Amino acid sequence: MQDEYITQADVPTATEDGEASSAATAQLQSQLEAATARADENYNKFLLAMADFENYKKRIERQFREIADAGRRELLKSFLPVIDNLERALSFEGVSANALREGVQQTLKGFESVLGMEGVKPLSIKGQKFDPKIAEAIGTQAAPGVEDDTILEEAEKGYTIGDDLLRPAKVIVAKQSPE
C-alpha cells in the first residue's frame, strides 16, 4: 500500500467560482479518510500484537514453572529411598550401637550420592589458608606452629554446585595471640 502525500502543486489555486476549492476540499477529505483508515488498521494490528505478546509471556512463564516443578519433583523423589532407609533403621528393635552407626553411615552415603547426582560437591578446606569467598570464620584458636589464618577445623562443610558456591564452610581459624 503506497502512501499518498499532498504537495503544493496538488493544491489548486482558488478561482472566482469556487469549484477548484471544492474539488481540493473533497480530495483532502478523501485523503484524510484514507489516512485515518490506515491509522485505525495499524492501531488494531498493534493491539493484536500486544495481546499475542502477553499470551506468549504467560505461556512461557507457565512452561518455566512446569519445568522447575518437574525438576523439583525429580530431586525430591531421589531423596525418598534415603528416607526409607532411615525408617527401616529406626523400625528395628534392640539394634546395637555399631549397627545403628553403620545404618546412619549408609544413609549419609545415600544423601551424598543424591547430592553428587545433582552436581553438589563438598569443599575440603581444612589446613588451607582462610578464604572469605568460600568460608565463614566462626571462631579463632591459638595453634602453635601453625601459620595465622590457616583453617584448623570445619564446624560445617561448605558445598559447591558446579563452579558456584552453594553454602560457605563455617570454620575455626588459627590466630596467634599477640605477645
Protein backbone atom coordinates (compact mmCIF):
# COMPACT_ATOMS: atom_id res chain seq x y z
CA MET A 1 0.00 0.00 0.00
CA GLN A 2 1.57 3.26 -1.08
CA ASP A 3 1.09 6.43 0.95
CA GLU A 4 -0.21 9.46 -0.89
CA TYR A 5 1.05 12.85 0.12
CA ILE A 6 -0.22 16.23 -0.92
CA THR A 7 2.30 18.63 -2.33
CA GLN A 8 1.91 22.33 -3.05
CA ALA A 9 1.46 21.52 -6.74
CA ASP A 10 -1.55 19.32 -5.87
CA VAL A 11 -3.45 22.18 -4.22
CA PRO A 12 -5.37 24.10 -6.85
CA THR A 13 -5.42 27.84 -6.68
CA ALA A 14 -8.67 29.48 -5.75
CA THR A 15 -10.85 30.56 -8.61
CA GLU A 16 -13.60 33.01 -8.61
CA ASP A 17 -16.30 30.44 -8.94
CA GLY A 18 -15.00 28.27 -6.07
CA GLU A 19 -15.18 24.98 -7.98
CA ALA A 20 -11.47 24.31 -7.64
CA SER A 21 -11.70 24.97 -3.91
CA SER A 22 -14.48 22.38 -3.52
CA ALA A 23 -12.54 19.81 -5.52
CA ALA A 24 -9.45 20.38 -3.38
CA THR A 25 -11.50 20.08 -0.21
CA ALA A 26 -13.05 16.85 -1.44
CA GLN A 27 -9.63 15.48 -2.37
CA LEU A 28 -8.21 16.45 1.02
CA GLN A 29 -11.21 14.92 2.77
CA SER A 30 -10.79 11.60 0.93
CA GLN A 31 -7.06 11.56 1.69
CA LEU A 32 -7.79 12.26 5.37
CA GLU A 33 -10.33 9.44 5.48
CA ALA A 34 -7.81 7.03 3.85
CA ALA A 35 -5.08 8.06 6.31
CA THR A 36 -7.49 7.66 9.24
CA ALA A 37 -8.48 4.19 8.00
CA ARG A 38 -4.79 3.19 7.73
CA ALA A 39 -4.11 4.56 11.23
CA ASP A 40 -7.08 2.60 12.62
CA GLU A 41 -5.89 -0.55 10.85
CA ASN A 42 -2.35 -0.12 12.21
CA TYR A 43 -3.68 0.54 15.71
CA ASN A 44 -5.76 -2.64 15.56
CA LYS A 45 -2.68 -4.58 14.40
CA PHE A 46 -0.75 -3.08 17.31
CA LEU A 47 -3.44 -4.18 19.79
CA LEU A 48 -3.42 -7.71 18.36
CA ALA A 49 0.38 -7.85 18.56
CA MET A 50 0.29 -6.70 22.20
CA ALA A 51 -2.33 -9.33 23.05
CA ASP A 52 -0.27 -12.02 21.30
CA PHE A 53 2.82 -10.91 23.21
CA GLU A 54 1.01 -11.02 26.57
CA ASN A 55 -0.26 -14.53 25.76
CA TYR A 56 3.28 -15.55 24.79
CA LYS A 57 4.68 -14.23 28.09
CA LYS A 58 2.05 -16.13 30.09
CA ARG A 59 2.70 -19.34 28.14
CA ILE A 60 6.49 -19.08 28.65
CA GLU A 61 6.08 -18.36 32.39
CA ARG A 62 3.77 -21.38 32.69
CA GLN A 63 6.30 -23.58 30.84
CA PHE A 64 9.17 -22.42 33.05
CA ARG A 65 7.08 -23.14 36.15
CA GLU A 66 6.28 -26.61 34.85
CA ILE A 67 9.96 -27.31 34.10
CA ALA A 68 11.02 -26.10 37.56
CA ASP A 69 8.29 -28.15 39.24
CA ALA A 70 9.32 -31.28 37.31
CA GLY A 71 12.94 -30.78 38.35
CA ARG A 72 11.97 -30.27 41.96
CA ARG A 73 9.80 -33.41 41.91
CA GLU A 74 12.67 -35.48 40.48
CA LEU A 75 15.07 -34.18 43.14
CA LEU A 76 12.63 -34.91 45.95
CA LYS A 77 11.91 -38.38 44.56
CA SER A 78 15.64 -39.14 44.70
CA PHE A 79 15.61 -38.44 48.47
CA LEU A 80 12.77 -40.88 49.17
CA PRO A 81 14.96 -44.04 49.22
CA VAL A 82 17.20 -42.35 51.78
CA ILE A 83 14.18 -41.65 53.98
CA ASP A 84 13.05 -45.26 53.53
CA ASN A 85 16.44 -46.45 54.80
CA LEU A 86 16.19 -44.20 57.86
CA GLU A 87 12.70 -45.51 58.62
CA ARG A 88 13.89 -49.14 58.28
CA ALA A 89 16.82 -48.47 60.63
CA LEU A 90 14.50 -46.95 63.24
CA SER A 91 12.00 -49.79 62.99
CA PHE A 92 14.42 -52.44 64.28
CA GLU A 93 14.22 -53.15 68.00
CA GLY A 94 17.34 -53.85 70.00
CA VAL A 95 19.78 -52.57 67.40
CA SER A 96 23.37 -52.35 68.64
CA ALA A 97 25.26 -49.06 68.56
CA ASN A 98 27.55 -50.39 65.81
CA ALA A 99 24.63 -51.47 63.64
CA LEU A 100 22.94 -48.11 64.14
CA ARG A 101 26.18 -46.32 63.27
CA GLU A 102 26.55 -48.38 60.09
CA GLY A 103 22.95 -47.61 59.15
CA VAL A 104 23.49 -43.89 59.64
CA GLN A 105 26.71 -44.08 57.59
CA GLN A 106 24.83 -45.80 54.75
CA THR A 107 22.12 -43.15 54.93
CA LEU A 108 24.76 -40.42 54.79
CA LYS A 109 26.26 -42.08 51.70
CA GLY A 110 22.78 -42.09 50.17
CA PHE A 111 22.40 -38.36 50.75
CA GLU A 112 25.90 -37.70 49.38
CA SER A 113 25.06 -39.79 46.31
CA VAL A 114 21.89 -37.78 45.64
CA LEU A 115 23.78 -34.51 46.05
CA GLY A 116 26.54 -35.79 43.76
CA MET A 117 23.99 -36.63 41.07
CA GLU A 118 22.85 -33.00 41.26
CA GLY A 119 26.42 -31.72 40.86
CA VAL A 120 26.88 -30.76 44.53
CA LYS A 121 30.38 -31.32 45.91
CA PRO A 122 31.72 -30.73 49.43
CA LEU A 123 34.60 -28.33 49.94
CA SER A 124 37.64 -29.77 51.65
CA ILE A 125 39.49 -26.79 53.11
CA LYS A 126 40.92 -27.97 56.45
CA GLY A 127 44.59 -26.96 56.64
CA GLN A 128 44.27 -24.40 53.85
CA LYS A 129 44.59 -20.63 54.05
CA PHE A 130 41.30 -18.94 55.05
CA ASP A 131 39.41 -17.55 52.03
CA PRO A 132 36.34 -15.42 52.88
CA LYS A 133 34.88 -16.20 49.44
CA ILE A 134 34.29 -19.84 50.38
CA ALA A 135 34.35 -19.89 54.18
CA GLU A 136 32.94 -18.02 57.14
CA ALA A 137 35.15 -17.79 60.23
CA ILE A 138 33.06 -18.51 63.32
CA GLY A 139 35.99 -18.51 65.72
CA THR A 140 39.72 -18.37 66.20
CA GLN A 141 42.07 -20.58 68.13
CA ALA A 142 45.72 -20.33 69.07
CA ALA A 143 47.74 -23.06 67.35
CA PRO A 144 51.49 -23.04 68.00
CA GLY A 145 53.50 -23.85 64.89
CA VAL A 146 50.57 -23.13 62.55
CA GLU A 147 50.54 -20.04 60.36
CA ASP A 148 47.88 -17.39 61.06
CA ASP A 149 44.67 -17.64 59.00
CA THR A 150 45.05 -21.38 58.48
CA ILE A 151 41.81 -23.33 58.79
CA LEU A 152 42.08 -25.63 61.80
CA GLU A 153 38.60 -27.11 61.86
CA GLU A 154 35.41 -27.19 59.81
CA ALA A 155 32.33 -26.76 62.01
CA GLU A 156 30.11 -27.11 58.92
CA LYS A 157 31.18 -28.25 55.48
CA GLY A 158 30.85 -25.91 52.57
CA TYR A 159 29.40 -27.05 49.25
CA THR A 160 29.63 -26.03 45.62
CA ILE A 161 27.27 -26.72 42.78
CA GLY A 162 29.22 -26.61 39.56
CA ASP A 163 31.53 -23.60 39.86
CA ASP A 164 29.17 -21.71 42.20
CA LEU A 165 29.26 -21.69 45.99
CA LEU A 166 26.11 -23.31 47.38
CA ARG A 167 27.00 -22.82 51.05
CA PRO A 168 30.16 -21.42 52.62
CA ALA A 169 32.01 -23.56 55.15
CA LYS A 170 31.95 -22.45 58.80
CA VAL A 171 35.47 -22.74 60.15
CA ILE A 172 37.80 -22.17 63.09
CA VAL A 173 40.91 -20.23 62.04
CA ALA A 174 44.38 -20.13 63.61
CA LYS A 175 45.33 -16.83 65.23
CA GLN A 176 48.40 -16.42 67.38
CA SER A 177 47.80 -14.38 70.48
CA PRO A 178 49.76 -11.09 70.49
CA GLU A 179 52.77 -11.27 72.78
